[in-house]
């Protein structure tokens, strides 16, 4: 099992916690919660080794496009980059971004 941590500057606050997806064959779960700091903290745990560069590219691209201050935990069991992006987008939608910050 591998674990990665990333931090990005952020300004937009989310309102609620969210949990989307499941850890299972070829999928992942994303847990997101509000963060008081002006940053996004992403922690990834994956059972698939050797994809650190891929994870870094996916996470950096997503959080460069989505400026949200949040704590994000991703538990992976072999999801494709497309599934990772979809699950992250779903978690943001569920967390109800503050409409005053859009």
PDB file of N, CA and C in Angstrom:
ATOM      1  N   UNK A   1       0.840  -1.175   0.000  1.00  0.00           N
ATOM      2  CA  UNK A   1       0.000   0.000   0.000  1.00  0.00           C
ATOM      3  C   UNK A   1       0.886   1.240   0.000  1.00  0.00           C
ATOM      4  N   UNK A   2       0.499   2.221  -0.799  1.00  0.00           N
ATOM      5  CA  UNK A   2       1.225   3.494  -0.840  1.00  0.00           C
ATOM      6  C   UNK A   2       0.336   4.602  -0.299  1.00  0.00           C
ATOM      7  N   UNK A   3       0.986   5.643   0.203  1.00  0.00           N
ATOM      8  CA  UNK A   3       0.273   6.793   0.730  1.00  0.00           C
ATOM      9  C   UNK A   3       0.971   8.054   0.251  1.00  0.00           C
ATOM     10  N   UNK A   4       0.181   9.045  -0.203  1.00  0.00           N
ATOM     11  CA  UNK A   4       0.717  10.306  -0.688  1.00  0.00           C
ATOM     12  C   UNK A   4      -0.022  11.456  -0.022  1.00  0.00           C
ATOM     13  N   UNK A   5       0.674  12.568   0.171  1.00  0.00           N
ATOM     14  CA  UNK A   5       0.051  13.773   0.715  1.00  0.00           C
ATOM     15  C   UNK A   5       0.423  14.956  -0.157  1.00  0.00           C
ATOM     16  N   UNK A   6      -0.564  15.803  -0.415  1.00  0.00           N
ATOM     17  CA  UNK A   6      -0.363  17.004  -1.212  1.00  0.00           C
ATOM     18  C   UNK A   6      -1.061  18.171  -0.519  1.00  0.00           C
ATOM     19  N   UNK A   7      -0.512  19.359  -0.696  1.00  0.00           N
ATOM     20  CA  UNK A   7      -1.115  20.575  -0.161  1.00  0.00           C
ATOM     21  C   UNK A   7      -1.106  21.627  -1.259  1.00  0.00           C
ATOM     22  N   UNK A   8      -2.239  22.335  -1.394  1.00  0.00           N
ATOM     23  CA  UNK A   8      -2.380  23.383  -2.395  1.00  0.00           C
ATOM     24  C   UNK A   8      -2.975  24.623  -1.731  1.00  0.00           C
ATOM     25  N   UNK A   9      -2.569  25.819  -2.154  1.00  0.00           N
ATOM     26  CA  UNK A   9      -3.217  27.023  -1.630  1.00  0.00           C
ATOM     27  C   UNK A   9      -4.665  27.070  -2.117  1.00  0.00           C
ATOM     28  N   UNK A  10      -5.545  27.633  -1.295  1.00  0.00           N
ATOM     29  CA  UNK A  10      -6.961  27.688  -1.665  1.00  0.00           C
ATOM     30  C   UNK A  10      -7.636  28.858  -0.964  1.00  0.00           C
ATOM     31  N   UNK A  11      -8.731  29.330  -1.552  1.00  0.00           N
ATOM     32  CA  UNK A  11      -9.453  30.459  -0.962  1.00  0.00           C
ATOM     33  C   UNK A  11     -10.936  30.189  -0.755  1.00  0.00           C
ATOM     34  N   UNK A  12     -11.537  29.336  -1.565  1.00  0.00           N
ATOM     35  CA  UNK A  12     -12.976  29.090  -1.468  1.00  0.00           C
ATOM     36  C   UNK A  12     -13.271  28.030  -0.419  1.00  0.00           C
ATOM     37  N   UNK A  13     -14.236  28.320   0.442  1.00  0.00           N
ATOM     38  CA  UNK A  13     -14.597  27.388   1.518  1.00  0.00           C
ATOM     39  C   UNK A  13     -15.767  26.509   1.089  1.00  0.00           C
ATOM     40  N   UNK A  14     -15.732  25.251   1.490  1.00  0.00           N
ATOM     41  CA  UNK A  14     -16.885  24.384   1.310  1.00  0.00           C
ATOM     42  C   UNK A  14     -17.720  24.442   2.580  1.00  0.00           C
ATOM     43  N   UNK A  15     -18.968  24.042   2.484  1.00  0.00           N
ATOM     44  CA  UNK A  15     -19.888  24.171   3.608  1.00  0.00           C
ATOM     45  C   UNK A  15     -20.038  22.870   4.385  1.00  0.00           C
ATOM     46  N   UNK A  16     -20.160  21.751   3.695  1.00  0.00           N
ATOM     47  CA  UNK A  16     -20.475  20.474   4.340  1.00  0.00           C
ATOM     48  C   UNK A  16     -19.442  19.397   4.040  1.00  0.00           C
ATOM     49  N   UNK A  17     -19.468  18.373   4.863  1.00  0.00           N
ATOM     50  CA  UNK A  17     -18.693  17.171   4.589  1.00  0.00           C
ATOM     51  C   UNK A  17     -19.379  16.375   3.487  1.00  0.00           C
ATOM     52  N   UNK A  18     -18.589  15.567   2.800  1.00  0.00           N
ATOM     53  CA  UNK A  18     -19.161  14.695   1.773  1.00  0.00           C
ATOM     54  C   UNK A  18     -18.396  13.384   1.744  1.00  0.00           C
ATOM     55  N   UNK A  19     -19.107  12.325   1.365  1.00  0.00           N
ATOM     56  CA  UNK A  19     -18.518  10.996   1.206  1.00  0.00           C
ATOM     57  C   UNK A  19     -19.142  10.396  -0.041  1.00  0.00           C
ATOM     58  N   UNK A  20     -18.316  10.150  -1.059  1.00  0.00           N
ATOM     59  CA  UNK A  20     -18.812   9.546  -2.296  1.00  0.00           C
ATOM     60  C   UNK A  20     -17.934   8.372  -2.683  1.00  0.00           C
ATOM     61  N   UNK A  21     -18.532   7.420  -3.374  1.00  0.00           N
ATOM     62  CA  UNK A  21     -17.811   6.254  -3.849  1.00  0.00           C
ATOM     63  C   UNK A  21     -17.638   5.206  -2.757  1.00  0.00           C
ATOM     64  N   UNK A  22     -17.093   4.079  -3.178  1.00  0.00           N
ATOM     65  CA  UNK A  22     -16.800   2.977  -2.275  1.00  0.00           C
ATOM     66  C   UNK A  22     -15.435   2.409  -2.631  1.00  0.00           C
ATOM     67  N   UNK A  23     -14.779   1.855  -1.636  1.00  0.00           N
ATOM     68  CA  UNK A  23     -13.522   1.179  -1.925  1.00  0.00           C
ATOM     69  C   UNK A  23     -13.889  -0.245  -2.293  1.00  0.00           C
ATOM     70  N   UNK A  24     -13.636  -0.598  -3.498  1.00  0.00           N
ATOM     71  CA  UNK A  24     -13.939  -1.930  -3.982  1.00  0.00           C
ATOM     72  C   UNK A  24     -13.164  -2.164  -5.261  1.00  0.00           C
ATOM     73  N   UNK A  25     -13.424  -3.227  -5.904  1.00  0.00           N
ATOM     74  CA  UNK A  25     -12.690  -3.585  -7.105  1.00  0.00           C
ATOM     75  C   UNK A  25     -12.755  -2.475  -8.152  1.00  0.00           C
ATOM     76  N   UNK A  26     -11.622  -1.851  -8.395  1.00  0.00           N
ATOM     77  CA  UNK A  26     -11.521  -0.832  -9.434  1.00  0.00           C
ATOM     78  C   UNK A  26     -12.184   0.484  -9.106  1.00  0.00           C
ATOM     79  N   UNK A  27     -12.406   0.799  -7.854  1.00  0.00           N
ATOM     80  CA  UNK A  27     -13.074   2.045  -7.509  1.00  0.00           C
ATOM     81  C   UNK A  27     -12.365   2.714  -6.339  1.00  0.00           C
ATOM     82  N   UNK A  28     -12.934   3.813  -5.861  1.00  0.00           N
ATOM     83  CA  UNK A  28     -12.356   4.513  -4.738  1.00  0.00           C
ATOM     84  C   UNK A  28     -13.414   5.320  -4.017  1.00  0.00           C
ATOM     85  N   UNK A  29     -13.084   5.775  -2.819  1.00  0.00           N
ATOM     86  CA  UNK A  29     -13.974   6.668  -2.090  1.00  0.00           C
ATOM     87  C   UNK A  29     -13.242   7.973  -1.839  1.00  0.00           C
ATOM     88  N   UNK A  30     -14.033   9.055  -1.802  1.00  0.00           N
ATOM     89  CA  UNK A  30     -13.506  10.371  -1.501  1.00  0.00           C
ATOM     90  C   UNK A  30     -14.274  10.909  -0.306  1.00  0.00           C
ATOM     91  N   UNK A  31     -13.544  11.345   0.696  1.00  0.00           N
ATOM     92  CA  UNK A  31     -14.122  12.009   1.854  1.00  0.00           C
ATOM     93  C   UNK A  31     -13.589  13.430   1.857  1.00  0.00           C
ATOM     94  N   UNK A  32     -14.484  14.395   1.983  1.00  0.00           N
ATOM     95  CA  UNK A  32     -14.071  15.793   1.952  1.00  0.00           C
ATOM     96  C   UNK A  32     -14.743  16.517   3.104  1.00  0.00           C
ATOM     97  N   UNK A  33     -13.994  17.408   3.742  1.00  0.00           N
ATOM     98  CA  UNK A  33     -14.563  18.177   4.844  1.00  0.00           C
ATOM     99  C   UNK A  33     -13.988  19.594   4.812  1.00  0.00           C
ATOM    100  N   UNK A  34     -14.742  20.537   5.375  1.00  0.00           N
ATOM    101  CA  UNK A  34     -14.256  21.919   5.407  1.00  0.00           C
ATOM    102  C   UNK A  34     -12.925  22.034   6.146  1.00  0.00           C
ATOM    103  N   UNK A  35     -12.158  23.036   5.777  1.00  0.00           N
ATOM    104  CA  UNK A  35     -10.848  23.279   6.367  1.00  0.00           C
ATOM    105  C   UNK A  35     -10.766  24.757   6.723  1.00  0.00           C
ATOM    106  N   UNK A  36     -10.311  25.071   7.915  1.00  0.00           N
ATOM    107  CA  UNK A  36     -10.198  26.466   8.350  1.00  0.00           C
ATOM    108  C   UNK A  36      -9.009  27.176   7.696  1.00  0.00           C
ATOM    109  N   UNK A  37      -7.989  26.431   7.339  1.00  0.00           N
ATOM    110  CA  UNK A  37      -6.818  27.018   6.706  1.00  0.00           C
ATOM    111  C   UNK A  37      -7.123  27.381   5.253  1.00  0.00           C
ATOM    112  N   UNK A  38      -6.309  28.228   4.684  1.00  0.00           N
ATOM    113  CA  UNK A  38      -6.463  28.614   3.281  1.00  0.00           C
ATOM    114  C   UNK A  38      -5.666  27.670   2.394  1.00  0.00           C
ATOM    115  N   UNK A  39      -6.025  26.401   2.479  1.00  0.00           N
ATOM    116  CA  UNK A  39      -5.329  25.393   1.684  1.00  0.00           C
ATOM    117  C   UNK A  39      -6.183  24.148   1.544  1.00  0.00           C
ATOM    118  N   UNK A  40      -5.790  23.336   0.603  1.00  0.00           N
ATOM    119  CA  UNK A  40      -6.382  22.015   0.437  1.00  0.00           C
ATOM    120  C   UNK A  40      -5.326  20.998   0.859  1.00  0.00           C
ATOM    121  N   UNK A  41      -5.719  20.072   1.703  1.00  0.00           N
ATOM    122  CA  UNK A  41      -4.844  18.982   2.120  1.00  0.00           C
ATOM    123  C   UNK A  41      -5.419  17.696   1.549  1.00  0.00           C
ATOM    124  N   UNK A  42      -4.647  17.009   0.734  1.00  0.00           N
ATOM    125  CA  UNK A  42      -5.105  15.770   0.110  1.00  0.00           C
ATOM    126  C   UNK A  42      -4.240  14.617   0.595  1.00  0.00           C
ATOM    127  N   UNK A  43      -4.899  13.593   1.119  1.00  0.00           N
ATOM    128  CA  UNK A  43      -4.213  12.371   1.530  1.00  0.00           C
ATOM    129  C   UNK A  43      -4.769  11.221   0.702  1.00  0.00           C
ATOM    130  N   UNK A  44      -3.888  10.485   0.059  1.00  0.00           N
ATOM    131  CA  UNK A  44      -4.282   9.364  -0.791  1.00  0.00           C
ATOM    132  C   UNK A  44      -3.683   8.090  -0.224  1.00  0.00           C
ATOM    133  N   UNK A  45      -4.531   7.074  -0.103  1.00  0.00           N
ATOM    134  CA  UNK A  45      -4.068   5.725   0.247  1.00  0.00           C
ATOM    135  C   UNK A  45      -4.511   4.812  -0.884  1.00  0.00           C
ATOM    136  N   UNK A  46      -3.551   4.097  -1.441  1.00  0.00           N
ATOM    137  CA  UNK A  46      -3.862   3.225  -2.566  1.00  0.00           C
ATOM    138  C   UNK A  46      -3.185   1.878  -2.412  1.00  0.00           C
ATOM    139  N   UNK A  47      -3.906   0.854  -2.817  1.00  0.00           N
ATOM    140  CA  UNK A  47      -3.358  -0.488  -2.801  1.00  0.00           C
ATOM    141  C   UNK A  47      -2.584  -0.812  -4.062  1.00  0.00           C
ATOM    142  N   UNK A  48      -2.582   0.095  -5.010  1.00  0.00           N
ATOM    143  CA  UNK A  48      -1.887  -0.111  -6.281  1.00  0.00           C
ATOM    144  C   UNK A  48      -0.600   0.702  -6.255  1.00  0.00           C
ATOM    145  N   UNK A  49       0.526   0.057  -6.410  1.00  0.00           N
ATOM    146  CA  UNK A  49       1.810   0.749  -6.319  1.00  0.00           C
ATOM    147  C   UNK A  49       2.333   1.157  -7.691  1.00  0.00           C
ATOM    148  N   UNK A  50       3.209   2.181  -7.685  1.00  0.00           N
ATOM    149  CA  UNK A  50       3.901   2.578  -8.897  1.00  0.00           C
ATOM    150  C   UNK A  50       3.225   3.680  -9.699  1.00  0.00           C
ATOM    151  N   UNK A  51       2.225   4.351  -9.141  1.00  0.00           N
ATOM    152  CA  UNK A  51       1.500   5.370  -9.899  1.00  0.00           C
ATOM    153  C   UNK A  51       1.575   6.756  -9.254  1.00  0.00           C
ATOM    154  N   UNK A  52       2.642   7.026  -8.524  1.00  0.00           N
ATOM    155  CA  UNK A  52       2.775   8.320  -7.837  1.00  0.00           C
ATOM    156  C   UNK A  52       2.701   9.497  -8.815  1.00  0.00           C
ATOM    157  N   UNK A  53       3.393   9.415  -9.940  1.00  0.00           N
ATOM    158  CA  UNK A  53       3.380  10.512 -10.914  1.00  0.00           C
ATOM    159  C   UNK A  53       1.984  10.743 -11.480  1.00  0.00           C
ATOM    160  N   UNK A  54       1.252   9.673 -11.712  1.00  0.00           N
ATOM    161  CA  UNK A  54      -0.122   9.783 -12.219  1.00  0.00           C
ATOM    162  C   UNK A  54      -1.011  10.452 -11.184  1.00  0.00           C
ATOM    163  N   UNK A  55      -0.914  10.016  -9.940  1.00  0.00           N
ATOM    164  CA  UNK A  55      -1.699  10.634  -8.870  1.00  0.00           C
ATOM    165  C   UNK A  55      -1.391  12.120  -8.760  1.00  0.00           C
ATOM    166  N   UNK A  56      -0.121  12.457  -8.780  1.00  0.00           N
ATOM    167  CA  UNK A  56       0.268  13.859  -8.649  1.00  0.00           C
ATOM    168  C   UNK A  56      -0.329  14.698  -9.779  1.00  0.00           C
ATOM    169  N   UNK A  57      -0.291  14.201 -10.995  1.00  0.00           N
ATOM    170  CA  UNK A  57      -0.846  14.942 -12.134  1.00  0.00           C
ATOM    171  C   UNK A  57      -2.361  15.127 -11.997  1.00  0.00           C
ATOM    172  N   UNK A  58      -3.066  14.074 -11.613  1.00  0.00           N
ATOM    173  CA  UNK A  58      -4.524  14.148 -11.467  1.00  0.00           C
ATOM    174  C   UNK A  58      -4.907  15.140 -10.381  1.00  0.00           C
ATOM    175  N   UNK A  59      -4.295  15.007  -9.217  1.00  0.00           N
ATOM    176  CA  UNK A  59      -4.641  15.846  -8.068  1.00  0.00           C
ATOM    177  C   UNK A  59      -4.265  17.298  -8.326  1.00  0.00           C
ATOM    178  N   UNK A  60      -3.101  17.527  -8.882  1.00  0.00           N
ATOM    179  CA  UNK A  60      -2.687  18.901  -9.166  1.00  0.00           C
ATOM    180  C   UNK A  60      -3.623  19.551 -10.185  1.00  0.00           C
ATOM    181  N   UNK A  61      -3.977  18.843 -11.237  1.00  0.00           N
ATOM    182  CA  UNK A  61      -4.881  19.386 -12.250  1.00  0.00           C
ATOM    183  C   UNK A  61      -6.239  19.720 -11.629  1.00  0.00           C
ATOM    184  N   UNK A  62      -6.788  18.812 -10.848  1.00  0.00           N
ATOM    185  CA  UNK A  62      -8.113  19.020 -10.275  1.00  0.00           C
ATOM    186  C   UNK A  62      -8.132  20.216  -9.325  1.00  0.00           C
ATOM    187  N   UNK A  63      -7.164  20.284  -8.415  1.00  0.00           N
ATOM    188  CA  UNK A  63      -7.202  21.343  -7.415  1.00  0.00           C
ATOM    189  C   UNK A  63      -6.631  22.661  -7.917  1.00  0.00           C
ATOM    190  N   UNK A  64      -6.031  22.675  -9.083  1.00  0.00           N
ATOM    191  CA  UNK A  64      -5.700  23.934  -9.745  1.00  0.00           C
ATOM    192  C   UNK A  64      -6.971  24.523 -10.368  1.00  0.00           C
ATOM    193  N   UNK A  65      -7.826  23.657 -10.877  1.00  0.00           N
ATOM    194  CA  UNK A  65      -9.096  24.101 -11.478  1.00  0.00           C
ATOM    195  C   UNK A  65     -10.159  24.401 -10.434  1.00  0.00           C
ATOM    196  N   UNK A  66     -10.100  23.758  -9.281  1.00  0.00           N
ATOM    197  CA  UNK A  66     -11.119  23.898  -8.234  1.00  0.00           C
ATOM    198  C   UNK A  66     -10.454  24.416  -6.964  1.00  0.00           C
ATOM    199  N   UNK A  67     -10.524  25.704  -6.782  1.00  0.00           N
ATOM    200  CA  UNK A  67      -9.879  26.391  -5.669  1.00  0.00           C
ATOM    201  C   UNK A  67     -10.743  26.265  -4.419  1.00  0.00           C
ATOM    202  N   UNK A  68     -10.623  25.150  -3.698  1.00  0.00           N
ATOM    203  CA  UNK A  68     -11.424  24.922  -2.496  1.00  0.00           C
ATOM    204  C   UNK A  68     -10.515  24.606  -1.313  1.00  0.00           C
ATOM    205  N   UNK A  69     -10.826  25.221  -0.181  1.00  0.00           N
ATOM    206  CA  UNK A  69     -10.108  24.925   1.054  1.00  0.00           C
ATOM    207  C   UNK A  69     -10.803  23.739   1.705  1.00  0.00           C
ATOM    208  N   UNK A  70     -10.128  22.614   1.753  1.00  0.00           N
ATOM    209  CA  UNK A  70     -10.764  21.398   2.264  1.00  0.00           C
ATOM    210  C   UNK A  70      -9.707  20.384   2.676  1.00  0.00           C
ATOM    211  N   UNK A  71     -10.142  19.435   3.489  1.00  0.00           N
ATOM    212  CA  UNK A  71      -9.332  18.260   3.791  1.00  0.00           C
ATOM    213  C   UNK A  71      -9.944  17.115   3.003  1.00  0.00           C
ATOM    214  N   UNK A  72      -9.148  16.499   2.170  1.00  0.00           N
ATOM    215  CA  UNK A  72      -9.628  15.452   1.270  1.00  0.00           C
ATOM    216  C   UNK A  72      -8.867  14.163   1.556  1.00  0.00           C
ATOM    217  N   UNK A  73      -9.634  13.092   1.716  1.00  0.00           N
ATOM    218  CA  UNK A  73      -9.034  11.763   1.869  1.00  0.00           C
ATOM    219  C   UNK A  73      -9.545  10.899   0.733  1.00  0.00           C
ATOM    220  N   UNK A  74      -8.620  10.232   0.072  1.00  0.00           N
ATOM    221  CA  UNK A  74      -8.963   9.336  -1.028  1.00  0.00           C
ATOM    222  C   UNK A  74      -8.437   7.950  -0.677  1.00  0.00           C
ATOM    223  N   UNK A  75      -9.336   6.982  -0.692  1.00  0.00           N
ATOM    224  CA  UNK A  75      -8.972   5.585  -0.476  1.00  0.00           C
ATOM    225  C   UNK A  75      -9.223   4.859  -1.793  1.00  0.00           C
ATOM    226  N   UNK A  76      -8.164   4.357  -2.403  1.00  0.00           N
ATOM    227  CA  UNK A  76      -8.223   3.829  -3.762  1.00  0.00           C
ATOM    228  C   UNK A  76      -7.997   2.319  -3.805  1.00  0.00           C
ATOM    229  N   UNK A  77      -8.702   1.705  -4.758  1.00  0.00           N
ATOM    230  CA  UNK A  77      -8.474   0.297  -5.034  1.00  0.00           C
ATOM    231  C   UNK A  77      -8.414   0.080  -6.541  1.00  0.00           C
ATOM    232  N   UNK A  78      -7.601   0.892  -7.218  1.00  0.00           N
ATOM    233  CA  UNK A  78      -7.358   0.691  -8.637  1.00  0.00           C
ATOM    234  C   UNK A  78      -8.230   1.496  -9.578  1.00  0.00           C
ATOM    235  N   UNK A  79      -8.750   2.627  -9.134  1.00  0.00           N
ATOM    236  CA  UNK A  79      -9.593   3.454  -9.998  1.00  0.00           C
ATOM    237  C   UNK A  79      -8.771   4.082 -11.119  1.00  0.00           C
ATOM    238  N   UNK A  80      -9.409   4.295 -12.241  1.00  0.00           N
ATOM    239  CA  UNK A  80      -8.750   4.970 -13.365  1.00  0.00           C
ATOM    240  C   UNK A  80      -8.727   6.476 -13.097  1.00  0.00           C
ATOM    241  N   UNK A  81      -7.863   7.219 -13.802  1.00  0.00           N
ATOM    242  CA  UNK A  81      -7.850   8.674 -13.625  1.00  0.00           C
ATOM    243  C   UNK A  81      -9.215   9.324 -13.867  1.00  0.00           C
ATOM    244  N   UNK A  82      -9.967   8.829 -14.811  1.00  0.00           N
ATOM    245  CA  UNK A  82     -11.301   9.374 -15.069  1.00  0.00           C
ATOM    246  C   UNK A  82     -12.232   9.204 -13.889  1.00  0.00           C
ATOM    247  N   UNK A  83     -12.196   8.052 -13.257  1.00  0.00           N
ATOM    248  CA  UNK A  83     -13.038   7.795 -12.088  1.00  0.00           C
ATOM    249  C   UNK A  83     -12.608   8.686 -10.928  1.00  0.00           C
ATOM    250  N   UNK A  84     -11.312   8.875 -10.748  1.00  0.00           N
ATOM    251  CA  UNK A  84     -10.825   9.747  -9.683  1.00  0.00           C
ATOM    252  C   UNK A  84     -11.393  11.159  -9.869  1.00  0.00           C
ATOM    253  N   UNK A  85     -11.310  11.681 -11.063  1.00  0.00           N
ATOM    254  CA  UNK A  85     -11.805  13.031 -11.349  1.00  0.00           C
ATOM    255  C   UNK A  85     -13.306  13.128 -11.133  1.00  0.00           C
ATOM    256  N   UNK A  86     -14.053  12.137 -11.566  1.00  0.00           N
ATOM    257  CA  UNK A  86     -15.511  12.129 -11.376  1.00  0.00           C
ATOM    258  C   UNK A  86     -15.862  12.104  -9.892  1.00  0.00           C
ATOM    259  N   UNK A  87     -15.210  11.251  -9.127  1.00  0.00           N
ATOM    260  CA  UNK A  87     -15.500  11.153  -7.697  1.00  0.00           C
ATOM    261  C   UNK A  87     -15.149  12.458  -6.969  1.00  0.00           C
ATOM    262  N   UNK A  88     -14.042  13.083  -7.333  1.00  0.00           N
ATOM    263  CA  UNK A  88     -13.697  14.369  -6.726  1.00  0.00           C
ATOM    264  C   UNK A  88     -14.759  15.424  -7.052  1.00  0.00           C
ATOM    265  N   UNK A  89     -15.208  15.461  -8.294  1.00  0.00           N
ATOM    266  CA  UNK A  89     -16.247  16.423  -8.690  1.00  0.00           C
ATOM    267  C   UNK A  89     -17.552  16.150  -7.946  1.00  0.00           C
ATOM    268  N   UNK A  90     -17.902  14.886  -7.785  1.00  0.00           N
ATOM    269  CA  UNK A  90     -19.110  14.535  -7.036  1.00  0.00           C
ATOM    270  C   UNK A  90     -18.997  14.990  -5.583  1.00  0.00           C
ATOM    271  N   UNK A  91     -17.846  14.798  -4.978  1.00  0.00           N
ATOM    272  CA  UNK A  91     -17.662  15.209  -3.586  1.00  0.00           C
ATOM    273  C   UNK A  91     -17.811  16.715  -3.438  1.00  0.00           C
ATOM    274  N   UNK A  92     -17.271  17.476  -4.385  1.00  0.00           N
ATOM    275  CA  UNK A  92     -17.433  18.926  -4.323  1.00  0.00           C
ATOM    276  C   UNK A  92     -18.890  19.328  -4.474  1.00  0.00           C
ATOM    277  N   UNK A  93     -19.594  18.676  -5.376  1.00  0.00           N
ATOM    278  CA  UNK A  93     -21.007  18.986  -5.574  1.00  0.00           C
ATOM    279  C   UNK A  93     -21.804  18.707  -4.298  1.00  0.00           C
ATOM    280  N   UNK A  94     -21.554  17.588  -3.668  1.00  0.00           N
ATOM    281  CA  UNK A  94     -22.270  17.214  -2.458  1.00  0.00           C
ATOM    282  C   UNK A  94     -21.933  18.161  -1.303  1.00  0.00           C
ATOM    283  N   UNK A  95     -20.720  18.671  -1.273  1.00  0.00           N
ATOM    284  CA  UNK A  95     -20.300  19.536  -0.170  1.00  0.00           C
ATOM    285  C   UNK A  95     -20.873  20.947  -0.261  1.00  0.00           C
ATOM    286  N   UNK A  96     -21.636  21.222  -1.337  1.00  0.00           N
ATOM    287  CA  UNK A  96     -22.313  22.518  -1.499  1.00  0.00           C
ATOM    288  C   UNK A  96     -21.355  23.699  -1.352  1.00  0.00           C
ATOM    289  N   UNK A  97     -20.653  24.010  -2.393  1.00  0.00           N
ATOM    290  CA  UNK A  97     -19.775  25.166  -2.352  1.00  0.00           C
ATOM    291  C   UNK A  97     -20.575  26.408  -1.993  1.00  0.00           C
ATOM    292  N   UNK A  98     -19.985  27.266  -1.214  1.00  0.00           N
ATOM    293  CA  UNK A  98     -20.627  28.508  -0.817  1.00  0.00           C
ATOM    294  C   UNK A  98     -20.880  29.359  -2.064  1.00  0.00           C
ATOM    295  N   UNK A  99     -22.148  29.616  -2.360  1.00  0.00           N
ATOM    296  CA  UNK A  99     -22.487  30.339  -3.590  1.00  0.00           C
ATOM    297  C   UNK A  99     -21.959  31.763  -3.595  1.00  0.00           C
ATOM    298  N   UNK A 100     -21.637  32.337  -2.453  1.00  0.00           N
ATOM    299  CA  UNK A 100     -21.079  33.695  -2.406  1.00  0.00           C
ATOM    300  C   UNK A 100     -19.619  33.747  -2.841  1.00  0.00           C
ATOM    301  N   UNK A 101     -18.964  32.594  -2.916  1.00  0.00           N
ATOM    302  CA  UNK A 101     -17.538  32.538  -3.255  1.00  0.00           C
ATOM    303  C   UNK A 101     -17.284  32.124  -4.690  1.00  0.00           C
ATOM    304  N   UNK A 102     -18.332  31.892  -5.475  1.00  0.00           N
ATOM    305  CA  UNK A 102     -18.150  31.421  -6.845  1.00  0.00           C
ATOM    306  C   UNK A 102     -17.626  32.510  -7.742  1.00  0.00           C
TER     307      UNK A 102
END
